[in-house]
Amino acid sequence: MFKIKFSTNFDPARAANRVRRDANISEIEKLSNATILVGFPASAKNDDGLTIAKYARWNNYGTIMHDESGNATGRIPPRPFFTEGFYFQKYQERRVRLAKTLLSKLAHKKITASQAAELIGIEAQENVKDAIQNGPWAPNAPSVLARKLRKSKGRNNGNPVKPLIDTGDMINAVTYLVDIQ
């Protein structure tokens, strides 16, 4: 099916540009059907053998820690870097600018849907990393701070004073995966 439009103010250059943009509509549709996952690989583990995904979940939602006997030994307060941090205003504004830029480039055939999806994945990954690093999270308890400072002796990575940053394992494990057909 096609549409015919009648105009008394016809601009051939503008019409040609529209045809070029419309010709790339399949790439825009391809991008709209892409899946971009951001998070922590199930295989990534910290020095203690704990999966980073589990550790990240505990930190995002908070949890009660237990010893081997099942006795409560402490509490990790929620620090929702993933669920809420991702929606901080500054990230939303950056994503809107990125979306506009990518759609324009797609429409003008300067990039492919796969390239656009990769750029979206990178941006989302950076948003999560920035939220971990710079979010307004509850401070570490004095006992946690003392343990982290003892544990960090001789290491240069991470920041034992800052919540969510100790060894750097969690922030370094954030990744993305693009599935585009």
Protein backbone atom coordinates (compact mmCIF):
# COMPACT_ATOMS: atom_id res chain seq x y z
CA MET A 1 0.00 0.00 0.00
CA PHE A 2 1.27 3.48 -0.73
CA LYS A 3 0.23 7.05 -0.06
CA ILE A 4 0.01 9.85 -2.55
CA LYS A 5 0.33 13.39 -1.26
CA PHE A 6 -0.48 16.45 -3.32
CA SER A 7 1.44 19.62 -2.63
CA THR A 8 1.69 23.06 -4.13
CA ASN A 9 4.93 23.63 -2.23
CA PHE A 10 7.06 20.70 -3.40
CA ASP A 11 10.77 20.68 -2.49
CA PRO A 12 12.59 17.96 -4.49
CA ALA A 13 15.70 18.02 -2.24
CA ARG A 14 13.60 17.53 0.87
CA ALA A 15 11.63 14.74 -0.77
CA ALA A 16 14.84 12.97 -1.82
CA ASN A 17 16.15 13.22 1.74
CA ARG A 18 12.89 11.70 3.03
CA VAL A 19 13.22 8.80 0.61
CA ARG A 20 16.78 8.15 1.83
CA ARG A 21 15.62 8.17 5.47
CA ASP A 22 12.68 5.90 4.71
CA ALA A 23 15.00 3.52 2.91
CA ASN A 24 16.77 2.90 6.24
CA ILE A 25 13.58 2.20 8.19
CA SER A 26 14.49 -1.50 8.35
CA GLU A 27 17.59 -0.67 10.42
CA ILE A 28 15.47 1.40 12.82
CA GLU A 29 12.99 -1.47 13.11
CA LYS A 30 15.87 -3.88 13.69
CA LEU A 31 17.16 -1.69 16.53
CA SER A 32 13.69 -1.44 18.07
CA ASN A 33 13.59 -5.25 18.29
CA ALA A 34 17.08 -5.60 19.77
CA THR A 35 17.68 -6.89 23.30
CA ILE A 36 20.43 -5.21 25.28
CA LEU A 37 21.25 -6.81 28.62
CA VAL A 38 23.28 -4.96 31.23
CA GLY A 39 24.52 -6.59 34.39
CA PHE A 40 26.92 -9.11 35.82
CA PRO A 41 27.99 -12.37 34.17
CA ALA A 42 26.96 -15.46 36.16
CA SER A 43 30.52 -16.79 35.85
CA ALA A 44 32.25 -13.74 37.42
CA LYS A 45 33.43 -14.37 40.99
CA ASN A 46 35.25 -12.34 43.61
CA ASP A 47 38.36 -13.40 45.56
CA ASP A 48 36.19 -15.24 48.10
CA GLY A 49 34.53 -17.37 45.38
CA LEU A 50 31.18 -15.54 45.67
CA THR A 51 29.50 -14.72 42.38
CA ILE A 52 29.60 -11.03 41.62
CA ALA A 53 25.93 -11.20 40.54
CA LYS A 54 24.89 -12.42 44.00
CA TYR A 55 27.05 -9.84 45.73
CA ALA A 56 25.61 -7.11 43.49
CA ARG A 57 22.06 -8.26 44.25
CA TRP A 58 22.76 -8.15 48.01
CA ASN A 59 24.13 -4.63 47.70
CA ASN A 60 21.36 -3.40 45.43
CA TYR A 61 18.45 -4.69 47.54
CA GLY A 62 20.13 -5.09 50.94
CA THR A 63 20.28 -8.31 52.92
CA ILE A 64 20.88 -9.83 56.34
CA MET A 65 24.18 -11.69 56.58
CA HIS A 66 24.31 -15.04 58.38
CA ASP A 67 27.09 -17.26 59.68
CA GLU A 68 27.36 -21.00 58.97
CA SER A 69 24.94 -21.73 61.83
CA GLY A 70 22.29 -19.44 60.41
CA ASN A 71 22.74 -16.70 63.01
CA ALA A 72 22.37 -13.13 61.79
CA THR A 73 25.78 -11.47 61.81
CA GLY A 74 25.10 -8.17 60.11
CA ARG A 75 23.09 -6.25 57.59
CA ILE A 76 23.93 -4.80 54.19
CA PRO A 77 21.70 -1.75 53.65
CA PRO A 78 20.08 -1.32 50.24
CA ARG A 79 22.21 0.70 47.84
CA PRO A 80 20.06 0.52 44.69
CA PHE A 81 22.74 1.39 42.16
CA PHE A 82 21.16 -0.92 39.60
CA THR A 83 17.41 -0.49 40.06
CA GLU A 84 17.24 3.18 41.06
CA GLY A 85 20.68 4.43 40.10
CA PHE A 86 20.05 3.59 36.47
CA TYR A 87 17.14 6.06 36.51
CA PHE A 88 19.01 9.04 37.93
CA GLN A 89 18.07 12.17 36.01
CA LYS A 90 21.56 12.68 34.57
CA TYR A 91 21.49 9.20 32.97
CA GLN A 92 18.03 9.73 31.54
CA GLU A 93 19.13 13.00 29.94
CA ARG A 94 22.23 11.34 28.46
CA ARG A 95 20.15 8.48 27.06
CA VAL A 96 17.68 10.89 25.43
CA ARG A 97 20.55 12.74 23.72
CA LEU A 98 22.09 9.44 22.64
CA ALA A 99 18.77 8.17 21.26
CA LYS A 100 18.28 11.32 19.19
CA THR A 101 21.82 11.12 17.84
CA LEU A 102 21.58 7.42 17.01
CA LEU A 103 18.20 7.71 15.30
CA SER A 104 19.49 10.54 13.15
CA LYS A 105 22.60 8.55 12.22
CA LEU A 106 20.47 5.48 11.47
CA ALA A 107 18.10 7.51 9.33
CA HIS A 108 21.01 8.92 7.34
CA LYS A 109 22.74 5.52 7.04
CA LYS A 110 25.81 6.63 8.97
CA ILE A 111 25.60 3.63 11.33
CA THR A 112 23.86 0.25 11.41
CA ALA A 113 21.38 -1.04 13.96
CA SER A 114 24.10 -3.32 15.37
CA GLN A 115 26.44 -0.37 15.86
CA ALA A 116 23.68 1.66 17.52
CA ALA A 117 22.83 -1.24 19.85
CA GLU A 118 26.50 -1.55 20.84
CA LEU A 119 26.63 2.18 21.65
CA ILE A 120 23.47 1.87 23.76
CA GLY A 121 25.01 -1.08 25.60
CA ILE A 122 28.18 0.89 26.31
CA GLU A 123 26.16 3.85 27.59
CA ALA A 124 24.05 1.64 29.90
CA GLN A 125 27.18 -0.10 31.20
CA GLU A 126 28.78 3.28 31.95
CA ASN A 127 25.57 4.46 33.68
CA VAL A 128 25.68 1.48 36.06
CA LYS A 129 29.41 1.92 36.73
CA ASP A 130 28.93 5.62 37.43
CA ALA A 131 26.01 4.88 39.78
CA ILE A 132 28.18 2.40 41.72
CA GLN A 133 31.03 4.90 41.92
CA ASN A 134 29.12 8.12 42.61
CA GLY A 135 25.70 7.28 44.04
CA PRO A 136 24.49 8.76 47.34
CA TRP A 137 24.74 5.41 49.13
CA ALA A 138 24.59 4.64 52.84
CA PRO A 139 28.11 4.73 54.31
CA ASN A 140 29.91 1.59 55.38
CA ALA A 141 29.45 0.56 59.00
CA PRO A 142 32.57 1.12 61.16
CA SER A 143 33.14 -2.65 61.40
CA VAL A 144 32.95 -3.01 57.60
CA LEU A 145 35.27 -0.07 57.10
CA ALA A 146 37.84 -1.59 59.51
CA ARG A 147 37.63 -4.99 57.74
CA LYS A 148 38.00 -3.40 54.30
CA LEU A 149 40.99 -1.33 55.38
CA ARG A 150 42.71 -4.43 56.84
CA LYS A 151 41.90 -6.46 53.73
CA SER A 152 43.09 -3.77 51.29
CA LYS A 153 46.64 -3.51 52.64
CA GLY A 154 49.10 -4.11 49.81
CA ARG A 155 46.46 -3.66 47.08
CA ASN A 156 46.01 -0.65 44.88
CA ASN A 157 42.63 -1.39 43.32
CA GLY A 158 39.23 -0.32 44.57
CA ASN A 159 38.44 2.12 47.37
CA PRO A 160 37.84 0.47 50.75
CA VAL A 161 36.32 3.62 52.24
CA LYS A 162 33.61 4.08 49.63
CA PRO A 163 30.43 1.96 49.76
CA LEU A 164 30.17 -0.55 46.90
CA ILE A 165 33.88 -0.17 46.12
CA ASP A 166 36.32 -2.49 47.85
CA THR A 167 38.38 -4.61 45.49
CA GLY A 168 36.87 -3.15 42.33
CA ASP A 169 35.56 -6.61 41.34
CA MET A 170 31.90 -5.55 41.12
CA ILE A 171 32.38 -2.35 39.14
CA ASN A 172 34.83 -4.08 36.80
CA ALA A 173 32.38 -6.95 36.18
CA VAL A 174 29.57 -4.74 34.83
CA THR A 175 29.07 -5.65 31.20
CA TYR A 176 26.47 -5.68 28.45
CA LEU A 177 25.31 -8.12 25.81
CA VAL A 178 23.55 -7.24 22.55
CA ASP A 179 21.17 -9.60 20.77
CA ILE A 180 20.05 -8.17 17.45
CA GLN A 181 18.56 -10.10 14.56
